[in-house]
């Protein structure tokens, strides 16, 4: 059995979940988080999506720094959320690792076969 590092799982989850929030994988991920972790996580992902989309819709001036701030804040919030759930339920580390891998595959598939998106 491989050792799973809680902090690494939390950071990777945060990075992948925030990236997926504005990708086609969002729908699958939201449903999966709701089933595996609870509806609150699905709702948190929806809020992340709205915040990121709101930031993308801002006028061009000064959006680079502001957009990076929002992205960093979302990744940090997700890292804390996932670390919290792993502290309470360490057995979910393997489940999260699987969700991260599948989400990554779904995002890679979309980017390799679909039109190029500007991100």
PDB file of N, CA and C in Angstrom:
ATOM      1  N   UNK A   1       0.837  -1.185   0.000  1.00  0.00           N
ATOM      2  CA  UNK A   1       0.000   0.000   0.000  1.00  0.00           C
ATOM      3  C   UNK A   1       0.887   1.256   0.000  1.00  0.00           C
ATOM      4  N   UNK A   2       0.594   2.159  -0.895  1.00  0.00           N
ATOM      5  CA  UNK A   2       1.377   3.384  -1.019  1.00  0.00           C
ATOM      6  C   UNK A   2       0.987   4.375   0.074  1.00  0.00           C
ATOM      7  N   UNK A   3       1.965   5.162   0.475  1.00  0.00           N
ATOM      8  CA  UNK A   3       1.715   6.211   1.456  1.00  0.00           C
ATOM      9  C   UNK A   3       1.122   7.408   0.713  1.00  0.00           C
ATOM     10  N   UNK A   4       0.038   7.934   1.239  1.00  0.00           N
ATOM     11  CA  UNK A   4      -0.594   9.103   0.638  1.00  0.00           C
ATOM     12  C   UNK A   4      -0.389  10.279   1.584  1.00  0.00           C
ATOM     13  N   UNK A   5       0.221  11.329   1.070  1.00  0.00           N
ATOM     14  CA  UNK A   5       0.500  12.515   1.872  1.00  0.00           C
ATOM     15  C   UNK A   5      -0.686  13.468   1.815  1.00  0.00           C
ATOM     16  N   UNK A   6      -1.289  13.702   2.953  1.00  0.00           N
ATOM     17  CA  UNK A   6      -2.493  14.520   3.048  1.00  0.00           C
ATOM     18  C   UNK A   6      -2.283  15.907   2.439  1.00  0.00           C
ATOM     19  N   UNK A   7      -1.169  16.546   2.755  1.00  0.00           N
ATOM     20  CA  UNK A   7      -0.923  17.901   2.245  1.00  0.00           C
ATOM     21  C   UNK A   7      -0.804  17.905   0.722  1.00  0.00           C
ATOM     22  N   UNK A   8      -0.145  16.906   0.187  1.00  0.00           N
ATOM     23  CA  UNK A   8       0.007  16.822  -1.270  1.00  0.00           C
ATOM     24  C   UNK A   8      -1.345  16.605  -1.933  1.00  0.00           C
ATOM     25  N   UNK A   9      -2.161  15.733  -1.359  1.00  0.00           N
ATOM     26  CA  UNK A   9      -3.501  15.483  -1.900  1.00  0.00           C
ATOM     27  C   UNK A   9      -4.336  16.764  -1.836  1.00  0.00           C
ATOM     28  N   UNK A  10      -4.213  17.502  -0.744  1.00  0.00           N
ATOM     29  CA  UNK A  10      -4.981  18.746  -0.594  1.00  0.00           C
ATOM     30  C   UNK A  10      -4.563  19.776  -1.640  1.00  0.00           C
ATOM     31  N   UNK A  11      -3.266  19.961  -1.850  1.00  0.00           N
ATOM     32  CA  UNK A  11      -2.794  20.946  -2.834  1.00  0.00           C
ATOM     33  C   UNK A  11      -3.166  20.534  -4.247  1.00  0.00           C
ATOM     34  N   UNK A  12      -2.973  19.268  -4.563  1.00  0.00           N
ATOM     35  CA  UNK A  12      -3.286  18.810  -5.914  1.00  0.00           C
ATOM     36  C   UNK A  12      -4.792  18.886  -6.165  1.00  0.00           C
ATOM     37  N   UNK A  13      -5.587  18.526  -5.168  1.00  0.00           N
ATOM     38  CA  UNK A  13      -7.044  18.653  -5.293  1.00  0.00           C
ATOM     39  C   UNK A  13      -7.425  20.104  -5.565  1.00  0.00           C
ATOM     40  N   UNK A  14      -6.874  20.995  -4.789  1.00  0.00           N
ATOM     41  CA  UNK A  14      -7.178  22.419  -4.935  1.00  0.00           C
ATOM     42  C   UNK A  14      -6.830  22.914  -6.330  1.00  0.00           C
ATOM     43  N   UNK A  15      -5.653  22.583  -6.788  1.00  0.00           N
ATOM     44  CA  UNK A  15      -5.195  23.028  -8.110  1.00  0.00           C
ATOM     45  C   UNK A  15      -6.106  22.495  -9.214  1.00  0.00           C
ATOM     46  N   UNK A  16      -6.404  21.216  -9.160  1.00  0.00           N
ATOM     47  CA  UNK A  16      -7.214  20.586 -10.201  1.00  0.00           C
ATOM     48  C   UNK A  16      -8.663  21.050 -10.128  1.00  0.00           C
ATOM     49  N   UNK A  17      -9.224  21.139  -8.931  1.00  0.00           N
ATOM     50  CA  UNK A  17     -10.622  21.532  -8.796  1.00  0.00           C
ATOM     51  C   UNK A  17     -10.843  22.957  -9.290  1.00  0.00           C
ATOM     52  N   UNK A  18      -9.928  23.855  -8.967  1.00  0.00           N
ATOM     53  CA  UNK A  18     -10.074  25.251  -9.412  1.00  0.00           C
ATOM     54  C   UNK A  18      -9.919  25.333 -10.932  1.00  0.00           C
ATOM     55  N   UNK A  19      -8.975  24.587 -11.490  1.00  0.00           N
ATOM     56  CA  UNK A  19      -8.816  24.575 -12.947  1.00  0.00           C
ATOM     57  C   UNK A  19     -10.069  24.018 -13.624  1.00  0.00           C
ATOM     58  N   UNK A  20     -10.658  22.998 -13.036  1.00  0.00           N
ATOM     59  CA  UNK A  20     -11.844  22.364 -13.625  1.00  0.00           C
ATOM     60  C   UNK A  20     -13.100  23.220 -13.475  1.00  0.00           C
ATOM     61  N   UNK A  21     -13.081  24.166 -12.558  1.00  0.00           N
ATOM     62  CA  UNK A  21     -14.276  24.975 -12.286  1.00  0.00           C
ATOM     63  C   UNK A  21     -14.756  25.741 -13.508  1.00  0.00           C
ATOM     64  N   UNK A  22     -13.860  26.062 -14.421  1.00  0.00           N
ATOM     65  CA  UNK A  22     -14.258  26.788 -15.624  1.00  0.00           C
ATOM     66  C   UNK A  22     -14.049  25.955 -16.887  1.00  0.00           C
ATOM     67  N   UNK A  23     -13.903  24.657 -16.716  1.00  0.00           N
ATOM     68  CA  UNK A  23     -13.709  23.751 -17.845  1.00  0.00           C
ATOM     69  C   UNK A  23     -14.937  22.851 -18.006  1.00  0.00           C
ATOM     70  N   UNK A  24     -14.980  22.104 -19.085  1.00  0.00           N
ATOM     71  CA  UNK A  24     -16.083  21.172 -19.303  1.00  0.00           C
ATOM     72  C   UNK A  24     -16.162  20.106 -18.218  1.00  0.00           C
ATOM     73  N   UNK A  25     -15.052  19.789 -17.590  1.00  0.00           N
ATOM     74  CA  UNK A  25     -15.023  18.779 -16.530  1.00  0.00           C
ATOM     75  C   UNK A  25     -15.789  19.232 -15.288  1.00  0.00           C
ATOM     76  N   UNK A  26     -16.141  20.505 -15.233  1.00  0.00           N
ATOM     77  CA  UNK A  26     -16.864  21.047 -14.066  1.00  0.00           C
ATOM     78  C   UNK A  26     -18.113  20.229 -13.727  1.00  0.00           C
ATOM     79  N   UNK A  27     -18.899  19.915 -14.723  1.00  0.00           N
ATOM     80  CA  UNK A  27     -20.184  19.242 -14.483  1.00  0.00           C
ATOM     81  C   UNK A  27     -19.968  17.873 -13.857  1.00  0.00           C
ATOM     82  N   UNK A  28     -19.031  17.126 -14.407  1.00  0.00           N
ATOM     83  CA  UNK A  28     -18.728  15.803 -13.857  1.00  0.00           C
ATOM     84  C   UNK A  28     -18.156  15.946 -12.444  1.00  0.00           C
ATOM     85  N   UNK A  29     -17.219  16.857 -12.263  1.00  0.00           N
ATOM     86  CA  UNK A  29     -16.570  17.026 -10.968  1.00  0.00           C
ATOM     87  C   UNK A  29     -17.578  17.455  -9.899  1.00  0.00           C
ATOM     88  N   UNK A  30     -18.443  18.399 -10.219  1.00  0.00           N
ATOM     89  CA  UNK A  30     -19.433  18.845  -9.247  1.00  0.00           C
ATOM     90  C   UNK A  30     -20.311  17.703  -8.769  1.00  0.00           C
ATOM     91  N   UNK A  31     -20.791  16.918  -9.703  1.00  0.00           N
ATOM     92  CA  UNK A  31     -21.630  15.771  -9.347  1.00  0.00           C
ATOM     93  C   UNK A  31     -20.849  14.751  -8.515  1.00  0.00           C
ATOM     94  N   UNK A  32     -19.611  14.507  -8.891  1.00  0.00           N
ATOM     95  CA  UNK A  32     -18.772  13.543  -8.174  1.00  0.00           C
ATOM     96  C   UNK A  32     -18.473  14.014  -6.756  1.00  0.00           C
ATOM     97  N   UNK A  33     -18.133  15.291  -6.601  1.00  0.00           N
ATOM     98  CA  UNK A  33     -17.884  15.821  -5.258  1.00  0.00           C
ATOM     99  C   UNK A  33     -19.140  15.728  -4.401  1.00  0.00           C
ATOM    100  N   UNK A  34     -20.281  16.022  -4.991  1.00  0.00           N
ATOM    101  CA  UNK A  34     -21.533  15.921  -4.251  1.00  0.00           C
ATOM    102  C   UNK A  34     -21.790  14.507  -3.752  1.00  0.00           C
ATOM    103  N   UNK A  35     -21.534  13.531  -4.609  1.00  0.00           N
ATOM    104  CA  UNK A  35     -21.739  12.126  -4.232  1.00  0.00           C
ATOM    105  C   UNK A  35     -20.711  11.640  -3.233  1.00  0.00           C
ATOM    106  N   UNK A  36     -19.454  11.984  -3.451  1.00  0.00           N
ATOM    107  CA  UNK A  36     -18.364  11.429  -2.643  1.00  0.00           C
ATOM    108  C   UNK A  36     -18.117  12.170  -1.336  1.00  0.00           C
ATOM    109  N   UNK A  37     -18.257  13.514  -1.353  1.00  0.00           N
ATOM    110  CA  UNK A  37     -17.929  14.318  -0.168  1.00  0.00           C
ATOM    111  C   UNK A  37     -19.138  15.003   0.452  1.00  0.00           C
ATOM    112  N   UNK A  38     -20.197  15.155  -0.319  1.00  0.00           N
ATOM    113  CA  UNK A  38     -21.394  15.822   0.189  1.00  0.00           C
ATOM    114  C   UNK A  38     -21.759  17.036  -0.647  1.00  0.00           C
ATOM    115  N   UNK A  39     -23.013  17.409  -0.570  1.00  0.00           N
ATOM    116  CA  UNK A  39     -23.545  18.509  -1.374  1.00  0.00           C
ATOM    117  C   UNK A  39     -22.840  19.843  -1.117  1.00  0.00           C
ATOM    118  N   UNK A  40     -22.330  20.041   0.072  1.00  0.00           N
ATOM    119  CA  UNK A  40     -21.637  21.300   0.368  1.00  0.00           C
ATOM    120  C   UNK A  40     -20.438  21.493  -0.555  1.00  0.00           C
ATOM    121  N   UNK A  41     -19.748  20.415  -0.905  1.00  0.00           N
ATOM    122  CA  UNK A  41     -18.580  20.521  -1.785  1.00  0.00           C
ATOM    123  C   UNK A  41     -19.000  20.826  -3.223  1.00  0.00           C
ATOM    124  N   UNK A  42     -20.104  20.259  -3.642  1.00  0.00           N
ATOM    125  CA  UNK A  42     -20.635  20.582  -4.967  1.00  0.00           C
ATOM    126  C   UNK A  42     -21.018  22.059  -5.027  1.00  0.00           C
ATOM    127  N   UNK A  43     -21.641  22.549  -3.969  1.00  0.00           N
ATOM    128  CA  UNK A  43     -22.025  23.958  -3.912  1.00  0.00           C
ATOM    129  C   UNK A  43     -20.800  24.870  -3.845  1.00  0.00           C
ATOM    130  N   UNK A  44     -19.772  24.446  -3.111  1.00  0.00           N
ATOM    131  CA  UNK A  44     -18.527  25.225  -3.053  1.00  0.00           C
ATOM    132  C   UNK A  44     -17.898  25.332  -4.435  1.00  0.00           C
ATOM    133  N   UNK A  45     -17.929  24.245  -5.197  1.00  0.00           N
ATOM    134  CA  UNK A  45     -17.375  24.275  -6.553  1.00  0.00           C
ATOM    135  C   UNK A  45     -18.178  25.231  -7.433  1.00  0.00           C
ATOM    136  N   UNK A  46     -19.492  25.232  -7.275  1.00  0.00           N
ATOM    137  CA  UNK A  46     -20.335  26.160  -8.042  1.00  0.00           C
ATOM    138  C   UNK A  46     -19.991  27.609  -7.701  1.00  0.00           C
ATOM    139  N   UNK A  47     -19.770  27.895  -6.413  1.00  0.00           N
ATOM    140  CA  UNK A  47     -19.387  29.258  -6.013  1.00  0.00           C
ATOM    141  C   UNK A  47     -18.019  29.637  -6.589  1.00  0.00           C
ATOM    142  N   UNK A  48     -17.097  28.682  -6.590  1.00  0.00           N
ATOM    143  CA  UNK A  48     -15.788  28.940  -7.189  1.00  0.00           C
ATOM    144  C   UNK A  48     -15.943  29.278  -8.664  1.00  0.00           C
ATOM    145  N   UNK A  49     -16.755  28.510  -9.363  1.00  0.00           N
ATOM    146  CA  UNK A  49     -16.983  28.747 -10.791  1.00  0.00           C
ATOM    147  C   UNK A  49     -17.524  30.155 -11.027  1.00  0.00           C
ATOM    148  N   UNK A  50     -18.510  30.557 -10.238  1.00  0.00           N
ATOM    149  CA  UNK A  50     -19.109  31.885 -10.396  1.00  0.00           C
ATOM    150  C   UNK A  50     -18.073  32.977 -10.150  1.00  0.00           C
ATOM    151  N   UNK A  51     -17.280  32.834  -9.092  1.00  0.00           N
ATOM    152  CA  UNK A  51     -16.254  33.858  -8.794  1.00  0.00           C
ATOM    153  C   UNK A  51     -15.232  33.953  -9.927  1.00  0.00           C
ATOM    154  N   UNK A  52     -14.802  32.819 -10.451  1.00  0.00           N
ATOM    155  CA  UNK A  52     -13.819  32.841 -11.534  1.00  0.00           C
ATOM    156  C   UNK A  52     -14.417  33.411 -12.811  1.00  0.00           C
ATOM    157  N   UNK A  53     -15.645  33.061 -13.121  1.00  0.00           N
ATOM    158  CA  UNK A  53     -16.293  33.602 -14.318  1.00  0.00           C
ATOM    159  C   UNK A  53     -16.545  35.097 -14.175  1.00  0.00           C
ATOM    160  N   UNK A  54     -16.905  35.525 -12.992  1.00  0.00           N
ATOM    161  CA  UNK A  54     -17.121  36.955 -12.742  1.00  0.00           C
ATOM    162  C   UNK A  54     -15.816  37.714 -12.984  1.00  0.00           C
ATOM    163  N   UNK A  55     -14.713  37.129 -12.543  1.00  0.00           N
ATOM    164  CA  UNK A  55     -13.403  37.770 -12.727  1.00  0.00           C
ATOM    165  C   UNK A  55     -13.036  37.826 -14.207  1.00  0.00           C
ATOM    166  N   UNK A  56     -13.343  36.773 -14.966  1.00  0.00           N
ATOM    167  CA  UNK A  56     -13.056  36.753 -16.404  1.00  0.00           C
ATOM    168  C   UNK A  56     -13.858  37.805 -17.151  1.00  0.00           C
ATOM    169  N   UNK A  57     -15.047  38.135 -16.658  1.00  0.00           N
ATOM    170  CA  UNK A  57     -15.928  39.085 -17.334  1.00  0.00           C
ATOM    171  C   UNK A  57     -15.574  40.543 -17.051  1.00  0.00           C
ATOM    172  N   UNK A  58     -14.640  40.785 -16.155  1.00  0.00           N
ATOM    173  CA  UNK A  58     -14.256  42.162 -15.828  1.00  0.00           C
ATOM    174  C   UNK A  58     -13.582  42.830 -17.021  1.00  0.00           C
ATOM    175  N   UNK A  59     -13.604  44.152 -17.059  1.00  0.00           N
ATOM    176  CA  UNK A  59     -12.902  44.873 -18.126  1.00  0.00           C
ATOM    177  C   UNK A  59     -11.410  44.520 -18.130  1.00  0.00           C
ATOM    178  N   UNK A  60     -10.789  44.675 -19.254  1.00  0.00           N
ATOM    179  CA  UNK A  60      -9.401  44.260 -19.454  1.00  0.00           C
ATOM    180  C   UNK A  60      -8.424  44.946 -18.517  1.00  0.00           C
ATOM    181  N   UNK A  61      -8.644  46.181 -18.156  1.00  0.00           N
ATOM    182  CA  UNK A  61      -7.704  46.917 -17.309  1.00  0.00           C
ATOM    183  C   UNK A  61      -7.502  46.232 -15.964  1.00  0.00           C
ATOM    184  N   UNK A  62      -6.287  46.006 -15.613  1.00  0.00           N
ATOM    185  CA  UNK A  62      -5.906  45.495 -14.296  1.00  0.00           C
ATOM    186  C   UNK A  62      -6.427  44.100 -13.971  1.00  0.00           C
ATOM    187  N   UNK A  63      -6.922  43.350 -14.959  1.00  0.00           N
ATOM    188  CA  UNK A  63      -7.492  42.043 -14.643  1.00  0.00           C
ATOM    189  C   UNK A  63      -6.429  40.997 -14.371  1.00  0.00           C
ATOM    190  N   UNK A  64      -5.237  41.167 -14.896  1.00  0.00           N
ATOM    191  CA  UNK A  64      -4.200  40.150 -14.694  1.00  0.00           C
ATOM    192  C   UNK A  64      -3.912  39.949 -13.203  1.00  0.00           C
ATOM    193  N   UNK A  65      -3.611  41.036 -12.516  1.00  0.00           N
ATOM    194  CA  UNK A  65      -3.310  40.930 -11.088  1.00  0.00           C
ATOM    195  C   UNK A  65      -4.539  40.504 -10.298  1.00  0.00           C
ATOM    196  N   UNK A  66      -5.671  41.094 -10.598  1.00  0.00           N
ATOM    197  CA  UNK A  66      -6.899  40.743  -9.881  1.00  0.00           C
ATOM    198  C   UNK A  66      -7.281  39.294 -10.153  1.00  0.00           C
ATOM    199  N   UNK A  67      -7.166  38.859 -11.407  1.00  0.00           N
ATOM    200  CA  UNK A  67      -7.497  37.484 -11.759  1.00  0.00           C
ATOM    201  C   UNK A  67      -6.598  36.482 -11.055  1.00  0.00           C
ATOM    202  N   UNK A  68      -5.325  36.801 -10.948  1.00  0.00           N
ATOM    203  CA  UNK A  68      -4.392  35.927 -10.241  1.00  0.00           C
ATOM    204  C   UNK A  68      -4.711  35.889  -8.747  1.00  0.00           C
ATOM    205  N   UNK A  69      -5.131  37.022  -8.192  1.00  0.00           N
ATOM    206  CA  UNK A  69      -5.519  37.062  -6.779  1.00  0.00           C
ATOM    207  C   UNK A  69      -6.722  36.168  -6.515  1.00  0.00           C
ATOM    208  N   UNK A  70      -7.724  36.234  -7.389  1.00  0.00           N
ATOM    209  CA  UNK A  70      -8.918  35.413  -7.227  1.00  0.00           C
ATOM    210  C   UNK A  70      -8.550  33.940  -7.362  1.00  0.00           C
ATOM    211  N   UNK A  71      -7.742  33.619  -8.350  1.00  0.00           N
ATOM    212  CA  UNK A  71      -7.310  32.241  -8.564  1.00  0.00           C
ATOM    213  C   UNK A  71      -6.544  31.718  -7.351  1.00  0.00           C
ATOM    214  N   UNK A  72      -5.608  32.502  -6.845  1.00  0.00           N
ATOM    215  CA  UNK A  72      -4.837  32.098  -5.668  1.00  0.00           C
ATOM    216  C   UNK A  72      -5.726  31.926  -4.446  1.00  0.00           C
ATOM    217  N   UNK A  73      -6.674  32.832  -4.282  1.00  0.00           N
ATOM    218  CA  UNK A  73      -7.596  32.740  -3.147  1.00  0.00           C
ATOM    219  C   UNK A  73      -8.437  31.474  -3.235  1.00  0.00           C
ATOM    220  N   UNK A  74      -8.897  31.141  -4.430  1.00  0.00           N
ATOM    221  CA  UNK A  74      -9.709  29.934  -4.606  1.00  0.00           C
ATOM    222  C   UNK A  74      -8.889  28.672  -4.341  1.00  0.00           C
ATOM    223  N   UNK A  75      -7.669  28.631  -4.852  1.00  0.00           N
ATOM    224  CA  UNK A  75      -6.811  27.464  -4.611  1.00  0.00           C
ATOM    225  C   UNK A  75      -6.542  27.330  -3.112  1.00  0.00           C
ATOM    226  N   UNK A  76      -6.256  28.431  -2.440  1.00  0.00           N
ATOM    227  CA  UNK A  76      -6.002  28.388  -1.003  1.00  0.00           C
ATOM    228  C   UNK A  76      -7.219  27.926  -0.211  1.00  0.00           C
ATOM    229  N   UNK A  77      -8.387  28.393  -0.603  1.00  0.00           N
ATOM    230  CA  UNK A  77      -9.615  27.988   0.092  1.00  0.00           C
ATOM    231  C   UNK A  77      -9.882  26.503  -0.100  1.00  0.00           C
ATOM    232  N   UNK A  78      -9.675  26.017  -1.327  1.00  0.00           N
ATOM    233  CA  UNK A  78      -9.880  24.579  -1.585  1.00  0.00           C
ATOM    234  C   UNK A  78      -8.853  23.729  -0.854  1.00  0.00           C
ATOM    235  N   UNK A  79      -7.618  24.199  -0.776  1.00  0.00           N
ATOM    236  CA  UNK A  79      -6.599  23.440  -0.044  1.00  0.00           C
ATOM    237  C   UNK A  79      -7.022  23.284   1.416  1.00  0.00           C
ATOM    238  N   UNK A  80      -7.464  24.367   2.015  1.00  0.00           N
ATOM    239  CA  UNK A  80      -7.891  24.323   3.416  1.00  0.00           C
ATOM    240  C   UNK A  80      -9.106  23.417   3.595  1.00  0.00           C
ATOM    241  N   UNK A  81     -10.059  23.502   2.674  1.00  0.00           N
ATOM    242  CA  UNK A  81     -11.252  22.659   2.728  1.00  0.00           C
ATOM    243  C   UNK A  81     -10.886  21.178   2.691  1.00  0.00           C
ATOM    244  N   UNK A  82     -10.014  20.840   1.750  1.00  0.00           N
ATOM    245  CA  UNK A  82      -9.640  19.432   1.570  1.00  0.00           C
ATOM    246  C   UNK A  82      -8.787  18.949   2.741  1.00  0.00           C
ATOM    247  N   UNK A  83      -7.872  19.780   3.231  1.00  0.00           N
ATOM    248  CA  UNK A  83      -7.100  19.377   4.412  1.00  0.00           C
ATOM    249  C   UNK A  83      -8.024  19.120   5.591  1.00  0.00           C
ATOM    250  N   UNK A  84      -9.053  19.939   5.725  1.00  0.00           N
ATOM    251  CA  UNK A  84     -10.014  19.750   6.809  1.00  0.00           C
ATOM    252  C   UNK A  84     -10.745  18.431   6.708  1.00  0.00           C
ATOM    253  N   UNK A  85     -11.221  18.112   5.523  1.00  0.00           N
ATOM    254  CA  UNK A  85     -11.953  16.851   5.364  1.00  0.00           C
ATOM    255  C   UNK A  85     -11.021  15.660   5.542  1.00  0.00           C
ATOM    256  N   UNK A  86      -9.769  15.793   5.120  1.00  0.00           N
ATOM    257  CA  UNK A  86      -8.823  14.683   5.288  1.00  0.00           C
ATOM    258  C   UNK A  86      -8.399  14.506   6.746  1.00  0.00           C
ATOM    259  N   UNK A  87      -8.427  15.576   7.509  1.00  0.00           N
ATOM    260  CA  UNK A  87      -8.135  15.467   8.936  1.00  0.00           C
ATOM    261  C   UNK A  87      -9.246  14.673   9.621  1.00  0.00           C
ATOM    262  N   UNK A  88     -10.479  14.969   9.249  1.00  0.00           N
ATOM    263  CA  UNK A  88     -11.626  14.273   9.837  1.00  0.00           C
ATOM    264  C   UNK A  88     -11.806  12.865   9.283  1.00  0.00           C
ATOM    265  N   UNK A  89     -11.527  12.707   7.993  1.00  0.00           N
ATOM    266  CA  UNK A  89     -11.767  11.422   7.336  1.00  0.00           C
ATOM    267  C   UNK A  89     -10.584  11.050   6.438  1.00  0.00           C
ATOM    268  N   UNK A  90      -9.483  10.598   7.022  1.00  0.00           N
ATOM    269  CA  UNK A  90      -8.278  10.296   6.247  1.00  0.00           C
ATOM    270  C   UNK A  90      -8.485   9.230   5.174  1.00  0.00           C
ATOM    271  N   UNK A  91      -9.491   8.398   5.331  1.00  0.00           N
ATOM    272  CA  UNK A  91      -9.755   7.347   4.342  1.00  0.00           C
ATOM    273  C   UNK A  91     -10.176   7.927   2.989  1.00  0.00           C
ATOM    274  N   UNK A  92     -10.559   9.216   2.955  1.00  0.00           N
ATOM    275  CA  UNK A  92     -10.961   9.843   1.698  1.00  0.00           C
ATOM    276  C   UNK A  92      -9.774  10.244   0.821  1.00  0.00           C
ATOM    277  N   UNK A  93      -8.558  10.120   1.321  1.00  0.00           N
ATOM    278  CA  UNK A  93      -7.372  10.501   0.533  1.00  0.00           C
ATOM    279  C   UNK A  93      -7.305   9.712  -0.765  1.00  0.00           C
ATOM    280  N   UNK A  94      -7.550   8.426  -0.702  1.00  0.00           N
ATOM    281  CA  UNK A  94      -7.499   7.605  -1.914  1.00  0.00           C
ATOM    282  C   UNK A  94      -8.631   7.976  -2.870  1.00  0.00           C
ATOM    283  N   UNK A  95      -9.803   8.238  -2.338  1.00  0.00           N
ATOM    284  CA  UNK A  95     -10.933   8.657  -3.169  1.00  0.00           C
ATOM    285  C   UNK A  95     -10.592   9.965  -3.878  1.00  0.00           C
ATOM    286  N   UNK A  96     -10.046  10.912  -3.147  1.00  0.00           N
ATOM    287  CA  UNK A  96      -9.669  12.196  -3.739  1.00  0.00           C
ATOM    288  C   UNK A  96      -8.587  12.033  -4.791  1.00  0.00           C
ATOM    289  N   UNK A  97      -7.625  11.158  -4.528  1.00  0.00           N
ATOM    290  CA  UNK A  97      -6.583  10.909  -5.518  1.00  0.00           C
ATOM    291  C   UNK A  97      -7.196  10.402  -6.829  1.00  0.00           C
ATOM    292  N   UNK A  98      -8.168   9.519  -6.717  1.00  0.00           N
ATOM    293  CA  UNK A  98      -8.843   8.999  -7.907  1.00  0.00           C
ATOM    294  C   UNK A  98      -9.637  10.093  -8.621  1.00  0.00           C
ATOM    295  N   UNK A  99     -10.300  10.950  -7.846  1.00  0.00           N
ATOM    296  CA  UNK A  99     -11.062  12.053  -8.435  1.00  0.00           C
ATOM    297  C   UNK A  99     -10.118  13.021  -9.155  1.00  0.00           C
ATOM    298  N   UNK A 100      -8.973  13.310  -8.547  1.00  0.00           N
ATOM    299  CA  UNK A 100      -7.977  14.187  -9.173  1.00  0.00           C
ATOM    300  C   UNK A 100      -7.525  13.600 -10.508  1.00  0.00           C
ATOM    301  N   UNK A 101      -7.201  12.322 -10.503  1.00  0.00           N
ATOM    302  CA  UNK A 101      -6.722  11.677 -11.730  1.00  0.00           C
ATOM    303  C   UNK A 101      -7.785  11.695 -12.823  1.00  0.00           C
ATOM    304  N   UNK A 102      -9.009  11.349 -12.473  1.00  0.00           N
ATOM    305  CA  UNK A 102     -10.081  11.321 -13.478  1.00  0.00           C
ATOM    306  C   UNK A 102     -10.394  12.725 -13.986  1.00  0.00           C
ATOM    307  N   UNK A 103     -10.403  13.699 -13.108  1.00  0.00           N
ATOM    308  CA  UNK A 103     -10.649  15.077 -13.531  1.00  0.00           C
ATOM    309  C   UNK A 103      -9.552  15.533 -14.486  1.00  0.00           C
ATOM    310  N   UNK A 104      -8.310  15.219 -14.147  1.00  0.00           N
ATOM    311  CA  UNK A 104      -7.191  15.557 -15.026  1.00  0.00           C
ATOM    312  C   UNK A 104      -7.330  14.908 -16.388  1.00  0.00           C
ATOM    313  N   UNK A 105      -7.723  13.640 -16.416  1.00  0.00           N
ATOM    314  CA  UNK A 105      -7.925  12.948 -17.699  1.00  0.00           C
ATOM    315  C   UNK A 105      -9.022  13.628 -18.509  1.00  0.00           C
ATOM    316  N   UNK A 106     -10.095  13.976 -17.850  1.00  0.00           N
ATOM    317  CA  UNK A 106     -11.201  14.629 -18.555  1.00  0.00           C
ATOM    318  C   UNK A 106     -10.788  15.996 -19.096  1.00  0.00           C
ATOM    319  N   UNK A 107      -9.967  16.713 -18.360  1.00  0.00           N
ATOM    320  CA  UNK A 107      -9.501  18.016 -18.837  1.00  0.00           C
ATOM    321  C   UNK A 107      -8.488  17.852 -19.958  1.00  0.00           C
ATOM    322  N   UNK A 108      -7.592  16.882 -19.845  1.00  0.00           N
ATOM    323  CA  UNK A 108      -6.609  16.627 -20.900  1.00  0.00           C
ATOM    324  C   UNK A 108      -7.300  16.197 -22.178  1.00  0.00           C
ATOM    325  N   UNK A 109      -8.317  15.344 -22.051  1.00  0.00           N
ATOM    326  CA  UNK A 109      -9.055  14.870 -23.217  1.00  0.00           C
ATOM    327  C   UNK A 109      -9.710  16.039 -23.930  1.00  0.00           C
ATOM    328  N   UNK A 110     -10.299  16.916 -23.193  1.00  0.00           N
ATOM    329  CA  UNK A 110     -10.982  18.073 -23.770  1.00  0.00           C
ATOM    330  C   UNK A 110      -9.993  18.959 -24.514  1.00  0.00           C
ATOM    331  N   UNK A 111      -8.843  19.176 -23.911  1.00  0.00           N
ATOM    332  CA  UNK A 111      -7.860  20.059 -24.540  1.00  0.00           C
ATOM    333  C   UNK A 111      -7.194  19.409 -25.738  1.00  0.00           C
ATOM    334  N   UNK A 112      -7.095  18.093 -25.743  1.00  0.00           N
ATOM    335  CA  UNK A 112      -6.405  17.434 -26.851  1.00  0.00           C
ATOM    336  C   UNK A 112      -7.309  17.227 -28.048  1.00  0.00           C
ATOM    337  N   UNK A 113      -8.640  17.210 -27.862  1.00  0.00           N
ATOM    338  CA  UNK A 113      -9.524  16.933 -28.984  1.00  0.00           C
ATOM    339  C   UNK A 113     -10.393  18.126 -29.368  1.00  0.00           C
ATOM    340  N   UNK A 114     -10.516  19.075 -28.475  1.00  0.00           N
ATOM    341  CA  UNK A 114     -11.409  20.206 -28.742  1.00  0.00           C
ATOM    342  C   UNK A 114     -10.642  21.394 -29.267  1.00  0.00           C
ATOM    343  N   UNK A 115     -11.381  22.460 -29.514  1.00  0.00           N
ATOM    344  CA  UNK A 115     -10.725  23.685 -29.994  1.00  0.00           C
ATOM    345  C   UNK A 115      -9.828  24.262 -28.898  1.00  0.00           C
ATOM    346  N   UNK A 116      -8.851  25.002 -29.314  1.00  0.00           N
ATOM    347  CA  UNK A 116      -7.943  25.619 -28.376  1.00  0.00           C
ATOM    348  C   UNK A 116      -8.680  26.727 -27.647  1.00  0.00           C
ATOM    349  N   UNK A 117      -8.592  26.696 -26.317  1.00  0.00           N
ATOM    350  CA  UNK A 117      -9.237  27.726 -25.496  1.00  0.00           C
ATOM    351  C   UNK A 117      -8.177  28.636 -24.927  1.00  0.00           C
ATOM    352  N   UNK A 118      -8.485  29.898 -24.857  1.00  0.00           N
ATOM    353  CA  UNK A 118      -7.586  30.856 -24.227  1.00  0.00           C
ATOM    354  C   UNK A 118      -7.848  30.873 -22.745  1.00  0.00           C
ATOM    355  N   UNK A 119      -6.823  30.619 -21.940  1.00  0.00           N
ATOM    356  CA  UNK A 119      -7.007  30.600 -20.480  1.00  0.00           C
ATOM    357  C   UNK A 119      -6.047  31.528 -19.812  1.00  0.00           C
TER     358      UNK A 119
END
